[in-house]
N, C-alpha and C. Protein backbone atom coordinates (compact mmCIF):
# COMPACT_ATOMS: atom_id res chain seq x y z
N MET A 1 97.60 115.02 78.48
CA MET A 1 97.84 113.98 79.37
C MET A 1 96.54 113.48 79.74
N SER A 2 95.44 112.27 79.14
CA SER A 2 94.95 111.97 79.74
C SER A 2 94.84 111.23 80.62
N ILE A 3 93.73 110.85 81.72
CA ILE A 3 94.11 110.06 82.48
C ILE A 3 93.48 108.89 82.68
N THR A 4 93.83 107.59 83.18
CA THR A 4 92.90 106.76 82.90
C THR A 4 92.20 106.08 83.71
N LYS A 5 90.68 105.95 83.43
CA LYS A 5 89.63 105.49 84.20
C LYS A 5 90.15 104.06 84.61
N TYR A 6 89.67 103.69 85.51
CA TYR A 6 89.58 102.08 86.34
C TYR A 6 88.22 101.43 86.32
N PRO A 7 87.90 100.31 86.29
CA PRO A 7 86.70 99.92 86.25
C PRO A 7 86.67 99.89 87.90
N MET A 8 85.51 99.43 88.59
CA MET A 8 84.93 99.39 89.71
C MET A 8 84.01 98.93 90.16
N THR A 9 83.96 97.95 91.10
CA THR A 9 82.73 97.48 91.66
C THR A 9 81.98 97.86 92.73
N VAL A 10 80.55 97.72 92.55
CA VAL A 10 80.26 98.51 93.84
C VAL A 10 80.41 98.43 95.07
N GLN A 11 80.74 97.09 95.45
CA GLN A 11 80.96 97.30 96.56
C GLN A 11 82.98 97.12 96.63
N GLY A 12 83.60 97.00 95.87
CA GLY A 12 85.12 97.93 95.53
C GLY A 12 85.38 98.92 95.77
N ALA A 13 84.01 99.72 95.57
CA ALA A 13 84.22 101.17 96.04
C ALA A 13 83.53 101.73 97.29
N ARG A 14 82.41 100.75 97.93
CA ARG A 14 82.22 100.96 99.22
C ARG A 14 83.27 100.62 100.38
N ALA A 15 84.28 99.77 100.06
CA ALA A 15 85.31 99.24 100.60
C ALA A 15 86.35 100.29 100.52
N LEU A 16 86.35 100.66 99.57
CA LEU A 16 87.22 102.41 100.13
C LEU A 16 87.03 103.53 100.48
N GLU A 17 85.67 103.28 100.14
CA GLU A 17 85.10 104.33 100.74
C GLU A 17 84.75 104.05 102.78
N ALA A 18 84.73 103.09 102.88
CA ALA A 18 84.81 102.54 104.18
C ALA A 18 86.20 102.57 104.86
N GLU A 19 87.27 102.30 104.29
CA GLU A 19 88.65 102.38 104.50
C GLU A 19 88.99 104.28 105.01
N LEU A 20 88.65 104.77 103.61
CA LEU A 20 88.83 106.49 103.40
C LEU A 20 87.87 106.86 105.22
N ALA A 21 87.20 106.51 105.33
CA ALA A 21 86.40 107.10 106.49
C ALA A 21 87.11 106.90 107.51
N HIS A 22 87.33 105.60 107.91
CA HIS A 22 88.37 105.03 109.23
C HIS A 22 89.63 106.08 109.21
N LEU A 23 90.41 106.29 108.16
CA LEU A 23 91.37 106.76 108.26
C LEU A 23 91.53 108.25 108.77
N THR A 24 90.34 108.61 107.84
CA THR A 24 90.57 110.39 108.36
C THR A 24 89.71 110.66 109.21
N LYS A 25 88.79 109.78 109.49
CA LYS A 25 88.01 110.19 111.21
C LYS A 25 88.44 109.12 112.13
N VAL A 26 89.14 108.68 112.00
CA VAL A 26 89.59 107.67 113.53
C VAL A 26 91.39 108.04 113.11
N GLU A 27 92.09 107.33 112.51
CA GLU A 27 93.37 107.59 111.92
C GLU A 27 93.97 108.63 112.59
N ARG A 28 93.81 109.51 111.55
CA ARG A 28 94.42 110.96 111.55
C ARG A 28 94.17 111.29 112.79
N PRO A 29 93.33 111.63 113.63
CA PRO A 29 93.08 112.51 114.79
C PRO A 29 93.59 111.69 115.80
N ARG A 30 93.52 110.45 115.70
CA ARG A 30 94.52 109.26 116.80
C ARG A 30 96.09 109.46 116.64
N LEU A 31 96.19 109.81 115.14
CA LEU A 31 98.02 110.33 115.28
C LEU A 31 98.64 111.60 115.37
N SER A 32 97.77 112.33 115.29
CA SER A 32 97.81 113.51 115.37
C SER A 32 97.74 114.07 117.04
N GLN A 33 96.56 113.38 117.64
CA GLN A 33 96.85 113.39 119.10
C GLN A 33 98.19 112.84 119.67
N ALA A 34 99.30 111.09 119.38
CA ALA A 34 99.60 110.92 119.79
C ALA A 34 100.83 111.74 119.58
N ILE A 35 101.12 112.35 117.74
CA ILE A 35 102.21 113.38 118.09
C ILE A 35 102.66 114.58 119.32
N GLY A 36 101.25 114.81 119.67
CA GLY A 36 101.42 116.12 120.07
C GLY A 36 101.83 115.57 121.55
N GLU A 37 101.21 114.34 122.35
CA GLU A 37 101.72 114.34 123.77
C GLU A 37 103.60 113.22 123.50
N ALA A 38 103.51 112.78 122.48
CA ALA A 38 104.80 112.71 122.23
C ALA A 38 105.85 114.03 121.74
N ARG A 39 105.58 115.00 121.96
CA ARG A 39 106.16 116.51 121.31
C ARG A 39 106.19 117.24 123.05
N GLU A 40 104.86 116.39 123.88
CA GLU A 40 105.27 116.97 125.45
C GLU A 40 106.17 116.38 125.84
N LEU A 41 106.34 115.48 125.60
CA LEU A 41 107.59 114.44 126.16
C LEU A 41 109.34 115.21 126.56
N GLY A 42 109.26 116.22 125.49
CA GLY A 42 110.56 116.92 125.56
C GLY A 42 111.39 116.90 124.32
N ASP A 43 112.94 116.95 123.81
CA ASP A 43 113.59 116.20 123.53
C ASP A 43 112.83 115.28 122.29
N LEU A 44 112.93 116.31 120.76
CA LEU A 44 112.14 115.58 119.48
C LEU A 44 113.16 114.49 118.84
N LYS A 45 114.56 114.96 119.73
CA LYS A 45 116.05 114.29 118.35
C LYS A 45 116.01 112.55 119.17
N GLU A 46 115.73 112.25 120.05
CA GLU A 46 115.65 111.16 120.69
C GLU A 46 114.27 110.92 121.49
N ASN A 47 113.24 110.90 120.79
CA ASN A 47 111.63 111.08 121.54
C ASN A 47 111.66 109.36 119.86
N ALA A 48 111.20 108.35 120.95
CA ALA A 48 110.99 107.17 119.84
C ALA A 48 109.65 107.32 119.42
N GLU A 49 108.59 107.33 120.30
CA GLU A 49 107.52 107.87 120.32
C GLU A 49 106.82 108.56 119.20
N TYR A 50 107.51 109.83 119.15
CA TYR A 50 107.45 111.11 118.23
C TYR A 50 107.84 110.17 116.95
N HIS A 51 108.81 109.89 116.87
CA HIS A 51 109.36 109.70 115.53
C HIS A 51 108.32 108.57 114.71
N ALA A 52 108.03 106.96 115.64
CA ALA A 52 107.42 106.18 114.95
C ALA A 52 105.87 106.84 114.72
N ALA A 53 105.20 107.64 115.37
CA ALA A 53 104.04 108.31 115.13
C ALA A 53 103.86 109.28 114.01
N ARG A 54 104.90 110.04 113.87
CA ARG A 54 105.04 111.02 112.59
C ARG A 54 105.60 109.68 111.49
N GLU A 55 106.04 108.61 111.66
CA GLU A 55 106.85 107.39 110.24
C GLU A 55 104.57 106.94 110.00
N GLU A 56 104.15 106.63 111.12
CA GLU A 56 102.72 106.34 110.77
C GLU A 56 102.01 107.13 110.18
N GLN A 57 101.91 108.69 110.33
CA GLN A 57 101.36 109.56 110.16
C GLN A 57 101.82 109.08 108.55
N GLY A 58 102.81 109.68 107.86
CA GLY A 58 103.34 109.82 106.71
C GLY A 58 102.46 108.18 105.77
N MET A 59 102.54 107.47 106.36
CA MET A 59 101.81 106.34 106.02
C MET A 59 100.27 106.40 105.92
N VAL A 60 99.96 106.66 106.55
CA VAL A 60 98.21 106.57 106.85
C VAL A 60 97.50 107.89 105.94
N GLU A 61 98.60 109.21 105.59
CA GLU A 61 98.35 110.28 104.82
C GLU A 61 98.89 109.33 103.29
N ALA A 62 99.73 108.40 102.93
CA ALA A 62 100.42 108.51 101.79
C ALA A 62 98.83 107.52 101.44
N ARG A 63 98.11 106.37 102.23
CA ARG A 63 97.31 105.84 101.92
C ARG A 63 95.79 106.76 101.78
N ILE A 64 95.80 107.66 102.54
CA ILE A 64 94.56 108.71 102.18
C ILE A 64 94.68 108.91 100.77
N ARG A 65 95.96 109.73 100.15
CA ARG A 65 96.13 110.12 98.71
C ARG A 65 95.60 109.09 98.32
N ASP A 66 96.32 108.02 98.21
CA ASP A 66 96.02 106.74 97.82
C ASP A 66 94.79 106.63 96.99
N ILE A 67 93.93 105.96 98.03
CA ILE A 67 92.29 105.79 97.78
C ILE A 67 91.36 107.26 97.32
N GLU A 68 91.81 108.38 97.58
CA GLU A 68 90.86 109.73 97.02
C GLU A 68 91.60 109.50 95.31
N GLY A 69 92.88 109.09 94.95
CA GLY A 69 93.57 109.02 93.47
C GLY A 69 92.48 107.92 92.65
N ARG A 70 92.24 106.88 93.86
CA ARG A 70 91.73 105.55 92.84
C ARG A 70 90.27 106.01 92.74
N MET A 71 89.66 106.47 93.91
CA MET A 71 88.30 106.41 93.47
C MET A 71 87.66 107.76 92.51
N GLN A 72 88.74 109.27 92.53
CA GLN A 72 88.42 110.17 91.44
C GLN A 72 88.64 109.28 90.24
N ASN A 73 89.87 108.32 89.59
CA ASN A 73 89.52 107.51 88.83
C ASN A 73 88.74 105.98 88.47
N ALA A 74 88.20 105.89 89.38
CA ALA A 74 87.15 104.65 88.92
C ALA A 74 86.10 105.18 88.65
N VAL A 75 85.80 104.13 87.56
CA VAL A 75 84.58 104.20 86.77
C VAL A 75 83.89 102.98 87.50
N ILE A 76 82.33 103.71 88.32
CA ILE A 76 81.73 102.85 89.35
C ILE A 76 80.73 101.98 88.34
N ILE A 77 81.06 100.42 88.49
CA ILE A 77 80.02 99.84 87.54
C ILE A 77 79.13 98.42 88.74
N ASP A 78 77.60 99.14 88.52
CA ASP A 78 76.68 98.23 88.56
C ASP A 78 76.24 97.37 87.96
N VAL A 79 76.82 95.97 88.20
CA VAL A 79 76.76 95.17 87.26
C VAL A 79 74.94 94.43 87.88
N THR A 80 74.16 94.79 88.11
CA THR A 80 72.97 94.63 89.14
C THR A 80 72.04 95.25 88.11
N THR A 81 72.82 96.48 87.60
CA THR A 81 71.38 96.89 86.79
C THR A 81 71.73 97.05 85.40
N ILE A 82 71.96 96.36 85.10
CA ILE A 82 72.92 95.84 83.45
C ILE A 82 71.70 94.22 83.10
N GLU A 83 71.41 94.70 81.57
CA GLU A 83 70.43 93.70 80.97
C GLU A 83 71.42 92.31 81.66
N HIS A 84 70.86 90.86 82.05
CA HIS A 84 71.42 89.82 82.24
C HIS A 84 71.13 89.02 80.36
N THR A 85 72.62 88.71 79.83
CA THR A 85 72.22 88.28 78.55
C THR A 85 72.71 86.84 78.68
N GLY A 86 73.18 86.59 80.43
CA GLY A 86 74.48 85.61 79.82
C GLY A 86 76.24 85.54 79.50
N LYS A 87 76.31 86.70 79.38
CA LYS A 87 78.03 86.71 78.80
C LYS A 87 78.50 87.68 79.71
N VAL A 88 79.93 86.64 80.09
CA VAL A 88 80.90 87.35 81.10
C VAL A 88 81.19 88.46 80.66
N ILE A 89 80.84 89.54 81.48
CA ILE A 89 81.17 90.85 81.90
C ILE A 89 81.54 91.60 83.18
N PHE A 90 82.32 92.65 82.96
CA PHE A 90 83.25 93.36 84.05
C PHE A 90 82.02 93.08 85.43
N GLY A 91 82.73 92.59 86.41
CA GLY A 91 81.50 92.39 87.94
C GLY A 91 80.57 91.14 87.89
N THR A 92 80.38 90.77 86.47
CA THR A 92 79.68 89.53 86.89
C THR A 92 80.33 88.38 87.36
N THR A 93 79.43 87.42 88.34
CA THR A 93 80.10 86.27 89.14
C THR A 93 80.14 84.94 87.78
N VAL A 94 81.07 84.28 87.79
CA VAL A 94 81.02 83.11 86.96
C VAL A 94 81.79 81.58 87.40
N GLU A 95 80.80 80.76 87.03
CA GLU A 95 81.17 79.41 87.62
C GLU A 95 82.25 78.51 86.50
N ILE A 96 83.13 78.19 86.86
CA ILE A 96 83.31 77.68 85.35
C ILE A 96 84.48 76.14 85.48
N ALA A 97 84.00 75.22 84.97
CA ALA A 97 84.17 73.85 84.95
C ALA A 97 85.60 73.35 84.70
N ASN A 98 87.17 73.23 85.05
CA ASN A 98 88.20 72.17 84.03
C ASN A 98 87.47 71.07 83.47
N VAL A 99 87.68 70.88 82.51
CA VAL A 99 87.14 70.79 81.41
C VAL A 99 87.36 69.06 81.01
N GLU A 100 89.23 69.03 82.08
CA GLU A 100 89.80 68.13 81.86
C GLU A 100 89.42 67.27 83.01
N THR A 101 89.17 68.13 84.39
CA THR A 101 89.42 67.54 85.79
C THR A 101 87.82 67.47 86.34
N ASP A 102 86.79 68.53 85.34
CA ASP A 102 85.65 68.36 85.98
C ASP A 102 85.66 69.20 87.59
N GLU A 103 86.41 69.43 87.74
CA GLU A 103 86.57 70.40 88.66
C GLU A 103 85.73 72.20 88.26
N SER A 104 84.97 72.52 89.80
CA SER A 104 85.13 73.69 89.33
C SER A 104 84.90 74.39 90.35
N VAL A 105 85.08 76.04 89.79
CA VAL A 105 85.45 77.05 90.85
C VAL A 105 85.17 78.61 90.15
N THR A 106 83.99 79.20 91.47
CA THR A 106 83.74 80.44 91.03
C THR A 106 84.28 81.44 91.35
N TYR A 107 84.40 82.47 90.43
CA TYR A 107 84.93 84.01 90.51
C TYR A 107 84.09 84.91 90.29
N GLN A 108 84.07 86.43 90.77
CA GLN A 108 83.94 87.21 90.71
C GLN A 108 84.80 88.19 89.55
N ILE A 109 84.47 88.45 88.40
CA ILE A 109 85.71 89.53 87.96
C ILE A 109 85.08 90.78 88.45
N VAL A 110 86.67 91.59 89.14
CA VAL A 110 86.21 93.23 89.47
C VAL A 110 87.43 93.54 88.66
N GLY A 111 87.73 94.30 89.23
CA GLY A 111 88.93 95.48 89.39
C GLY A 111 89.99 95.02 89.68
N GLU A 112 91.32 96.07 88.89
CA GLU A 112 92.58 95.82 89.55
C GLU A 112 92.89 95.66 91.23
N ASP A 113 92.23 96.59 92.27
CA ASP A 113 92.69 96.83 93.40
C ASP A 113 91.60 96.01 93.98
N GLU A 114 90.42 95.79 93.61
CA GLU A 114 89.79 94.60 94.60
C GLU A 114 89.71 92.96 94.10
N ALA A 115 90.90 92.58 93.59
CA ALA A 115 91.31 91.48 93.41
C ALA A 115 92.00 90.85 94.83
N ASP A 116 91.21 89.40 94.77
CA ASP A 116 92.18 88.70 96.39
C ASP A 116 91.17 86.84 96.13
N ILE A 117 92.27 86.60 95.21
CA ILE A 117 91.91 85.07 95.11
C ILE A 117 91.28 84.54 96.13
N LYS A 118 91.63 84.52 97.44
CA LYS A 118 91.29 83.69 98.95
C LYS A 118 89.20 84.41 98.59
N LEU A 119 89.02 85.20 98.17
CA LEU A 119 87.58 85.70 98.00
C LEU A 119 87.31 85.01 96.79
N GLY A 120 87.77 84.46 95.76
CA GLY A 120 87.25 84.57 94.50
C GLY A 120 87.04 85.35 93.84
N LYS A 121 87.67 86.58 93.83
CA LYS A 121 87.88 87.74 93.18
C LYS A 121 88.78 87.22 92.17
N ILE A 122 88.69 88.23 90.77
CA ILE A 122 89.53 88.06 90.11
C ILE A 122 90.04 89.16 88.66
N SER A 123 90.93 89.93 89.18
CA SER A 123 91.21 90.91 88.21
C SER A 123 90.41 90.65 86.73
N VAL A 124 89.92 92.23 86.31
CA VAL A 124 89.38 92.24 84.95
C VAL A 124 91.39 91.89 83.65
N GLY A 125 91.94 92.01 84.73
CA GLY A 125 93.11 91.62 83.59
C GLY A 125 93.78 90.67 83.68
N SER A 126 93.50 89.57 84.52
CA SER A 126 94.00 88.24 84.50
C SER A 126 93.74 87.53 83.15
N PRO A 127 94.67 86.97 83.33
CA PRO A 127 94.68 85.78 82.05
C PRO A 127 92.99 84.90 82.08
N ILE A 128 92.90 84.73 83.17
CA ILE A 128 91.39 83.60 83.06
C ILE A 128 90.10 84.90 82.85
N ALA A 129 90.00 85.53 83.37
CA ALA A 129 89.17 87.11 82.99
C ALA A 129 88.89 87.65 81.65
N ARG A 130 90.50 87.63 80.99
CA ARG A 130 90.50 88.22 79.54
C ARG A 130 89.94 86.75 78.90
N ALA A 131 90.24 85.56 78.94
CA ALA A 131 89.43 84.29 78.29
C ALA A 131 87.86 84.64 78.31
N LEU A 132 87.41 85.01 79.38
CA LEU A 132 85.82 84.57 79.81
C LEU A 132 85.37 85.81 79.24
N ILE A 133 85.50 87.16 79.12
CA ILE A 133 84.74 88.33 79.52
C ILE A 133 84.38 88.08 77.37
N ALA A 134 83.14 88.44 77.11
CA ALA A 134 82.12 87.99 76.22
C ALA A 134 81.79 86.99 75.43
N LYS A 135 81.99 85.77 76.85
CA LYS A 135 81.75 84.52 76.76
C LYS A 135 80.56 84.06 77.07
N GLU A 136 79.77 83.15 76.52
CA GLU A 136 78.53 82.27 77.48
C GLU A 136 78.26 81.36 78.19
N GLU A 137 77.29 81.15 78.79
CA GLU A 137 77.31 80.15 79.56
C GLU A 137 77.19 79.00 78.39
N GLY A 138 77.81 77.69 78.27
CA GLY A 138 78.25 76.49 77.67
C GLY A 138 79.48 76.55 77.26
N ASP A 139 79.97 78.07 76.70
CA ASP A 139 81.26 78.01 75.95
C ASP A 139 82.58 77.39 76.77
N VAL A 140 83.42 77.36 75.95
CA VAL A 140 84.44 76.55 76.26
C VAL A 140 85.75 77.81 76.38
N VAL A 141 86.46 77.93 76.88
CA VAL A 141 87.47 79.01 76.70
C VAL A 141 89.26 78.07 77.45
N ALA A 142 89.87 78.33 76.78
CA ALA A 142 90.85 78.15 76.84
C ALA A 142 92.20 78.85 77.59
N VAL A 143 92.85 78.79 78.89
CA VAL A 143 93.96 79.94 79.45
C VAL A 143 94.46 79.39 79.66
N LYS A 144 95.60 80.26 79.15
CA LYS A 144 97.22 80.00 78.88
C LYS A 144 98.11 79.99 80.29
N THR A 145 98.36 79.32 80.89
CA THR A 145 99.09 79.10 82.57
C THR A 145 100.34 78.78 82.03
N PRO A 146 101.27 79.06 82.92
CA PRO A 146 102.94 78.38 82.83
C PRO A 146 103.07 76.80 82.75
N GLY A 147 102.04 76.33 83.40
CA GLY A 147 101.53 74.89 83.34
C GLY A 147 101.29 74.46 82.12
N GLY A 148 100.92 75.34 81.07
CA GLY A 148 99.94 74.94 79.69
C GLY A 148 98.74 75.33 79.68
N VAL A 149 98.37 74.76 78.71
CA VAL A 149 97.00 75.71 78.32
C VAL A 149 95.87 74.60 78.82
N ILE A 150 94.52 75.38 79.84
CA ILE A 150 94.05 74.37 80.79
C ILE A 150 92.47 75.23 80.02
N GLU A 151 91.56 73.86 79.18
CA GLU A 151 90.46 74.83 78.63
C GLU A 151 89.48 74.67 80.57
N TYR A 152 87.90 75.64 80.42
CA TYR A 152 87.35 75.45 81.08
C TYR A 152 85.51 75.70 80.51
N GLU A 153 85.13 75.24 81.12
CA GLU A 153 83.76 75.57 80.49
C GLU A 153 82.62 76.67 81.33
N ILE A 154 82.13 77.08 80.76
CA ILE A 154 81.61 78.55 81.57
C ILE A 154 80.14 77.69 81.55
N VAL A 155 79.85 77.05 82.58
CA VAL A 155 78.71 76.84 83.57
C VAL A 155 77.90 77.62 84.10
N GLU A 156 77.80 79.03 84.57
CA GLU A 156 76.80 80.02 84.70
C GLU A 156 77.57 81.02 85.02
N VAL A 157 76.70 82.04 84.64
CA VAL A 157 76.64 83.36 85.00
C VAL A 157 76.37 84.45 85.65
N ARG A 158 76.24 85.08 86.90
CA ARG A 158 75.20 85.28 87.24
C ARG A 158 75.73 86.52 87.43
N HIS A 159 74.62 88.25 87.74
CA HIS A 159 74.82 89.33 88.02
C HIS A 159 73.81 89.77 89.22
N ILE A 160 75.45 89.49 90.66
CA ILE A 160 75.06 89.71 91.62
C ILE A 160 75.84 90.50 92.50
């Protein structure tokens, strides 16, 4: 059985590392202390504080395992170290313009876990990113959407 590796930007890796550090150095000790204090209150069967702290501890430990697994299976790609050829690749920031409306938008192509449309980060597996990968500035790409096909022109490709 082979383990699948997933691409991740340097920024995405840093964010996960920061979250992991917070969970292990702040949340885990806080919950351990809360469980200890709740235990001292007596009967655990009817101790709401104890059960709430244990439940939260379970969620924190699950998130820690999830992050550790993701980091273990990540291939961290620093796009700033890759020669800029003008082609869209994982990690690049791409400005595209709707051919019909001339409305432009900028996206960074990131790993599945990093995607956040509000921040302009789209998953490498998204329809737009799949259409853009390996294309160059000036190319026009067709993106299939639920509302039909939309054509975009690649205005600029940046390695930032």
